[in-house]
């Protein structure tokens, strides 16, 4: 047997081993890393999704919480994980904001391969009941006339409510003052108590308070009206270009094999179209994506980073 023949046989053997390895995926549980503490809305959705996604993939999917530094801890962990398809990151809008907030991140978009967008979580603009406005037009006029005397609350620096309010300032050229709190609950409590005038909070939380008549609903944050509140305008109807929401996207370490990514993507799509998960997501106020796509997610994150970078600079959020 010539040396050339031996090399050909060896190469073919490696190819067979590689194909067999990919065909066997998954051979063990997959961990879904959530860069937030257990018990929050992102974690709650992750656990509901993991149950169905794991079943569609043919394995157990285990949620692993790695909170800290505004999602940086968990994101960095996944960026350095083995690219074998057994470690998946559930990222949120913080993934798009952090590069503008922190100049010395140890990772970048180049360290991740996209699987697909899973869900979007709308926000809702609510005001204190004593604020003399009844609709979006009146609110925007009030803000225009009283911008520097108006405060809005949030769950903390660079939280979704902060981003929603900062984008309102940016697009509308207002100057409302941001008052950060340690969580959504105290931020909403001070809105109800009249210590701040408005908040752009997660839709389920805000709508629960609207139903309790403790705050007044003015508008919602997506580019179009929400199915749950068809009579309430989107902010974009009066301020073109406004759209703020958080989201849940799935990514893996960059060198993960394409066949493995496709296995994750196709099973994710099956999970997102599962009737049981769709019902749970609706109760959480989430809008599920029916066709997650890697390239679409890559383009989406790039667009989100561009948008939020401008907002961060305009609002002076950056920490270093």
Protein backbone atom coordinates (compact mmCIF):
# COMPACT_ATOMS: atom_id res chain seq x y z
CA UNK A 1 0.00 0.00 0.00
CA UNK A 2 1.47 3.33 -1.05
CA UNK A 3 1.81 6.26 1.32
CA UNK A 4 -0.70 8.20 -0.80
CA UNK A 5 -3.26 5.43 -0.46
CA UNK A 6 -2.71 5.33 3.29
CA UNK A 7 -3.29 9.09 3.55
CA UNK A 8 -6.49 8.83 1.51
CA UNK A 9 -7.81 6.00 3.70
CA UNK A 10 -6.89 7.93 6.84
CA UNK A 11 -8.66 11.05 5.59
CA UNK A 12 -11.76 9.05 4.68
CA UNK A 13 -11.71 7.40 8.09
CA UNK A 14 -11.57 10.77 9.81
CA UNK A 15 -14.49 11.92 7.71
CA UNK A 16 -16.54 8.88 8.71
CA UNK A 17 -15.71 9.45 12.38
CA UNK A 18 -16.65 13.12 12.06
CA UNK A 19 -19.96 12.32 10.37
CA UNK A 20 -20.72 9.65 12.97
CA UNK A 21 -19.96 12.07 15.78
CA UNK A 22 -22.27 14.71 14.34
CA UNK A 23 -24.99 12.15 13.63
CA UNK A 24 -24.85 11.08 17.29
CA UNK A 25 -25.40 14.61 18.62
CA UNK A 26 -26.65 15.02 21.26
CA UNK A 27 -25.11 12.29 23.36
CA UNK A 28 -25.51 14.02 26.73
CA UNK A 29 -27.52 16.84 28.36
CA UNK A 30 -27.19 20.36 26.99
CA UNK A 31 -26.86 23.26 29.40
CA UNK A 32 -28.70 26.49 28.68
CA UNK A 33 -26.77 29.28 30.40
CA UNK A 34 -28.95 32.12 31.66
CA UNK A 35 -26.86 35.17 32.68
CA UNK A 36 -29.44 36.18 35.30
CA UNK A 37 -30.37 34.95 38.77
CA UNK A 38 -32.99 32.25 39.18
CA UNK A 39 -36.60 33.33 39.59
CA UNK A 40 -36.69 36.32 37.22
CA UNK A 41 -38.65 36.54 33.97
CA UNK A 42 -35.71 35.48 31.76
CA UNK A 43 -35.06 32.45 33.97
CA UNK A 44 -38.76 31.56 34.04
CA UNK A 45 -38.97 31.54 30.25
CA UNK A 46 -35.66 29.67 29.97
CA UNK A 47 -36.97 26.83 32.13
CA UNK A 48 -40.23 26.58 30.21
CA UNK A 49 -38.33 26.59 26.92
CA UNK A 50 -35.65 24.13 28.07
CA UNK A 51 -38.25 21.49 28.92
CA UNK A 52 -39.71 21.56 25.41
CA UNK A 53 -36.49 22.29 23.50
CA UNK A 54 -34.69 19.39 25.15
CA UNK A 55 -37.50 17.03 24.20
CA UNK A 56 -37.45 18.20 20.57
CA UNK A 57 -33.64 17.88 20.50
CA UNK A 58 -33.76 14.41 22.00
CA UNK A 59 -31.94 15.08 25.26
CA UNK A 60 -32.24 16.83 28.61
CA UNK A 61 -31.65 20.56 28.60
CA UNK A 62 -30.52 21.94 31.94
CA UNK A 63 -30.80 25.64 32.85
CA UNK A 64 -27.67 26.96 34.53
CA UNK A 65 -27.81 30.42 36.08
CA UNK A 66 -24.60 32.46 35.90
CA UNK A 67 -25.59 35.94 36.98
CA UNK A 68 -23.37 38.94 37.53
CA UNK A 69 -22.10 42.21 36.07
CA UNK A 70 -25.18 42.85 33.97
CA UNK A 71 -25.00 39.46 32.14
CA UNK A 72 -21.24 39.75 31.49
CA UNK A 73 -20.32 36.83 33.77
CA UNK A 74 -22.56 34.30 32.03
CA UNK A 75 -21.80 35.61 28.57
CA UNK A 76 -18.04 35.42 29.13
CA UNK A 77 -18.43 31.88 30.45
CA UNK A 78 -20.12 30.71 27.25
CA UNK A 79 -17.62 32.55 25.04
CA UNK A 80 -14.87 30.36 26.54
CA UNK A 81 -16.83 27.09 26.59
CA UNK A 82 -16.03 24.15 24.33
CA UNK A 83 -17.67 24.60 20.90
CA UNK A 84 -19.36 21.20 21.04
CA UNK A 85 -23.04 22.18 21.15
CA UNK A 86 -23.45 21.34 24.83
CA UNK A 87 -23.31 24.93 26.12
CA UNK A 88 -25.89 27.43 24.84
CA UNK A 89 -26.27 31.08 25.85
CA UNK A 90 -29.64 32.72 26.27
CA UNK A 91 -28.81 36.37 25.63
CA UNK A 92 -31.03 39.42 25.98
CA UNK A 93 -30.94 43.07 24.96
CA UNK A 94 -28.10 43.48 27.50
CA UNK A 95 -25.90 41.60 25.01
CA UNK A 96 -26.40 44.45 22.54
CA UNK A 97 -26.03 47.21 25.12
CA UNK A 98 -22.96 46.02 27.04
CA UNK A 99 -20.39 46.75 24.29
CA UNK A 100 -21.41 50.41 24.45
CA UNK A 101 -21.50 50.43 28.25
CA UNK A 102 -18.16 48.72 28.83
CA UNK A 103 -15.10 49.40 26.72
CA UNK A 104 -13.08 46.48 28.06
CA UNK A 105 -15.22 43.38 27.56
CA UNK A 106 -13.27 40.14 27.24
CA UNK A 107 -15.54 38.92 24.42
CA UNK A 108 -17.20 40.22 21.26
CA UNK A 109 -19.80 39.09 18.74
CA UNK A 110 -17.02 37.23 16.94
CA UNK A 111 -16.89 34.77 19.85
CA UNK A 112 -20.42 33.51 19.23
CA UNK A 113 -22.31 31.66 16.52
CA UNK A 114 -26.02 32.51 16.32
CA UNK A 115 -28.78 29.91 16.50
CA UNK A 116 -31.82 32.15 16.37
CA UNK A 117 -34.08 34.65 18.09
CA UNK A 118 -36.60 32.95 20.37
CA UNK A 119 -38.83 35.67 21.82
CA UNK A 120 -39.47 39.38 22.21
CA UNK A 121 -40.79 40.95 25.41
CA UNK A 122 -42.72 44.21 24.90
CA UNK A 123 -42.76 47.11 27.32
CA UNK A 124 -45.58 49.45 28.28
CA UNK A 125 -45.54 53.17 29.08
CA UNK A 126 -47.51 53.87 32.25
CA UNK A 127 -47.96 57.07 34.25
CA UNK A 128 -48.93 58.06 37.75
CA UNK A 129 -52.70 58.39 38.08
CA UNK A 130 -52.42 62.05 39.09
CA UNK A 131 -50.44 63.10 36.02
CA UNK A 132 -52.75 65.38 33.98
CA UNK A 133 -52.63 63.32 30.77
CA UNK A 134 -55.08 60.79 29.36
CA UNK A 135 -53.47 59.65 26.12
CA UNK A 136 -50.19 59.51 24.20
CA UNK A 137 -50.57 62.89 22.52
CA UNK A 138 -51.22 64.62 25.84
CA UNK A 139 -48.33 62.78 27.49
CA UNK A 140 -45.85 63.81 24.81
CA UNK A 141 -47.02 67.41 24.97
CA UNK A 142 -46.70 67.34 28.77
CA UNK A 143 -43.19 65.92 28.44
CA UNK A 144 -42.30 68.59 25.90
CA UNK A 145 -43.44 71.37 28.22
CA UNK A 146 -42.17 69.84 31.48
CA UNK A 147 -39.26 67.69 30.37
CA UNK A 148 -36.70 68.73 32.99
CA UNK A 149 -39.30 68.49 35.76
CA UNK A 150 -40.33 64.95 34.84
CA UNK A 151 -38.77 61.82 36.31
CA UNK A 152 -39.03 58.21 35.20
CA UNK A 153 -38.14 55.13 37.22
CA UNK A 154 -36.41 51.91 36.19
CA UNK A 155 -35.20 48.60 37.59
CA UNK A 156 -31.60 49.86 37.43
CA UNK A 157 -28.94 51.24 35.12
CA UNK A 158 -29.25 49.76 31.60
CA UNK A 159 -32.29 47.68 32.56
CA UNK A 160 -35.04 47.37 29.95
CA UNK A 161 -37.15 50.10 31.63
CA UNK A 162 -34.12 52.41 31.66
CA UNK A 163 -33.48 51.73 27.97
CA UNK A 164 -37.14 52.32 27.16
CA UNK A 165 -37.12 55.70 28.89
CA UNK A 166 -33.73 56.69 27.49
CA UNK A 167 -34.89 55.88 23.96
CA UNK A 168 -37.98 58.04 24.52
CA UNK A 169 -35.67 60.93 25.45
CA UNK A 170 -33.42 60.22 22.49
CA UNK A 171 -36.11 59.94 19.79
CA UNK A 172 -38.35 62.68 21.19
CA UNK A 173 -35.47 64.98 22.15
CA UNK A 174 -36.77 65.18 25.71
CA UNK A 175 -34.76 65.49 28.90
CA UNK A 176 -36.71 63.51 31.49
CA UNK A 177 -34.59 62.48 34.46
CA UNK A 178 -33.83 58.83 35.10
CA UNK A 179 -34.28 57.53 38.67
CA UNK A 180 -32.82 54.00 38.99
CA UNK A 181 -34.02 51.51 41.61
CA UNK A 182 -32.84 48.09 42.73
CA UNK A 183 -35.48 46.15 40.84
CA UNK A 184 -38.77 46.71 39.09
CA UNK A 185 -40.97 46.40 42.19
CA UNK A 186 -39.64 49.47 44.08
CA UNK A 187 -39.55 51.42 40.81
CA UNK A 188 -43.23 50.70 40.24
CA UNK A 189 -44.05 51.39 43.88
CA UNK A 190 -42.61 54.90 43.64
CA UNK A 191 -44.51 55.50 40.41
CA UNK A 192 -47.73 54.52 42.13
CA UNK A 193 -46.79 56.74 45.06
CA UNK A 194 -46.21 59.75 42.83
CA UNK A 195 -42.47 60.10 43.47
CA UNK A 196 -41.83 59.74 39.71
CA UNK A 197 -44.14 60.50 36.82
CA UNK A 198 -43.77 57.59 34.38
CA UNK A 199 -42.15 54.23 33.72
CA UNK A 200 -41.59 52.05 30.66
CA UNK A 201 -41.91 48.66 32.33
CA UNK A 202 -42.37 45.10 31.10
CA UNK A 203 -45.84 44.76 29.64
CA UNK A 204 -47.10 41.98 31.99
CA UNK A 205 -45.99 43.89 35.11
CA UNK A 206 -47.36 47.20 33.88
CA UNK A 207 -50.66 45.76 32.67
CA UNK A 208 -51.21 44.03 36.01
CA UNK A 209 -50.99 47.45 37.69
CA UNK A 210 -53.26 48.96 35.05
CA UNK A 211 -55.90 46.32 35.80
CA UNK A 212 -55.52 47.16 39.49
CA UNK A 213 -56.06 50.83 38.56
CA UNK A 214 -52.88 51.92 40.35
CA UNK A 215 -51.35 53.45 37.18
CA UNK A 216 -52.62 54.61 33.80
CA UNK A 217 -51.61 52.95 30.51
CA UNK A 218 -50.53 55.42 27.83
CA UNK A 219 -48.83 53.40 25.09
CA UNK A 220 -46.84 50.27 24.25
CA UNK A 221 -43.28 49.95 22.99
CA UNK A 222 -43.25 47.77 19.88
CA UNK A 223 -43.47 49.24 16.39
CA UNK A 224 -47.09 48.09 16.18
CA UNK A 225 -49.91 47.76 18.70
CA UNK A 226 -49.98 44.67 20.90
CA UNK A 227 -52.69 42.03 20.41
CA UNK A 228 -53.47 42.22 24.15
CA UNK A 229 -54.14 45.99 23.97
CA UNK A 230 -55.41 46.76 20.45
CA UNK A 231 -56.97 50.08 21.50
CA UNK A 232 -53.72 51.40 22.98
CA UNK A 233 -51.33 53.10 20.54
CA UNK A 234 -47.70 52.19 20.01
CA UNK A 235 -45.31 55.01 20.93
CA UNK A 236 -44.02 54.81 17.35
CA UNK A 237 -47.35 56.13 16.06
CA UNK A 238 -46.42 59.52 17.49
CA UNK A 239 -42.62 59.13 17.57
CA UNK A 240 -41.52 57.31 14.38
CA UNK A 241 -38.41 55.23 14.99
CA UNK A 242 -39.26 54.35 18.57
CA UNK A 243 -39.18 50.65 19.39
CA UNK A 244 -37.94 49.22 22.67
CA UNK A 245 -38.23 45.72 24.04
CA UNK A 246 -36.08 43.06 25.50
CA UNK A 247 -35.55 39.73 23.78
CA UNK A 248 -34.24 36.20 24.19
CA UNK A 249 -31.74 34.91 21.65
CA UNK A 250 -29.78 31.66 21.49
CA UNK A 251 -26.05 31.53 20.72
CA UNK A 252 -23.17 29.04 21.03
CA UNK A 253 -19.35 29.35 20.99
CA UNK A 254 -18.15 30.42 17.55
CA UNK A 255 -16.44 27.24 16.36
CA UNK A 256 -19.47 25.01 16.93
CA UNK A 257 -20.05 22.71 13.93
CA UNK A 258 -22.72 23.86 11.46
CA UNK A 259 -24.57 20.54 11.65
CA UNK A 260 -24.82 20.87 15.42
CA UNK A 261 -26.09 24.46 15.07
CA UNK A 262 -28.72 23.28 12.63
CA UNK A 263 -29.81 20.54 15.04
CA UNK A 264 -30.19 23.17 17.74
CA UNK A 265 -31.97 25.59 15.39
CA UNK A 266 -34.47 23.08 14.00
CA UNK A 267 -35.33 21.75 17.46
CA UNK A 268 -35.65 25.32 18.75
CA UNK A 269 -38.09 26.08 15.96
CA UNK A 270 -40.12 22.99 16.84
CA UNK A 271 -40.16 24.07 20.49
CA UNK A 272 -41.25 27.63 19.69
CA UNK A 273 -44.19 26.24 17.71
CA UNK A 274 -45.24 23.89 20.51
CA UNK A 275 -48.79 24.69 21.62
CA UNK A 276 -48.03 24.26 25.32
CA UNK A 277 -45.02 26.58 25.22
CA UNK A 278 -46.95 29.12 23.16
CA UNK A 279 -49.64 29.26 25.85
CA UNK A 280 -47.05 29.73 28.62
CA UNK A 281 -45.27 32.43 26.62
CA UNK A 282 -48.54 34.29 26.10
CA UNK A 283 -49.12 34.28 29.86
CA UNK A 284 -45.61 35.73 30.29
CA UNK A 285 -46.33 38.49 27.77
CA UNK A 286 -43.81 37.16 25.26
CA UNK A 287 -44.03 37.13 21.47
CA UNK A 288 -42.42 33.93 20.19
CA UNK A 289 -40.50 33.71 16.91
CA UNK A 290 -41.90 30.98 14.65
CA UNK A 291 -38.81 30.65 12.43
CA UNK A 292 -35.51 31.28 14.26
CA UNK A 293 -32.67 31.84 11.80
CA UNK A 294 -28.90 32.26 12.44
CA UNK A 295 -28.26 34.95 9.82
CA UNK A 296 -31.36 36.88 10.84
CA UNK A 297 -30.17 36.84 14.46
CA UNK A 298 -26.68 38.01 13.45
CA UNK A 299 -28.18 40.95 11.54
CA UNK A 300 -30.62 41.68 14.36
CA UNK A 301 -27.92 41.88 17.05
CA UNK A 302 -25.80 44.15 14.84
CA UNK A 303 -28.78 46.49 14.36
CA UNK A 304 -29.58 46.42 18.09
CA UNK A 305 -25.99 47.27 18.99
CA UNK A 306 -26.00 50.20 16.60
CA UNK A 307 -29.28 51.53 17.99
CA UNK A 308 -28.43 51.18 21.65
CA UNK A 309 -24.90 52.49 21.21
CA UNK A 310 -26.36 55.81 20.08
CA UNK A 311 -28.76 55.86 23.04
CA UNK A 312 -26.01 55.02 25.54
CA UNK A 313 -23.82 57.83 24.23
CA UNK A 314 -26.68 60.34 24.25
CA UNK A 315 -27.70 59.45 27.80
CA UNK A 316 -24.17 59.11 29.20
CA UNK A 317 -24.73 55.59 30.55
CA UNK A 318 -21.24 54.26 29.79
CA UNK A 319 -19.27 53.15 32.84
CA UNK A 320 -15.76 53.03 31.35
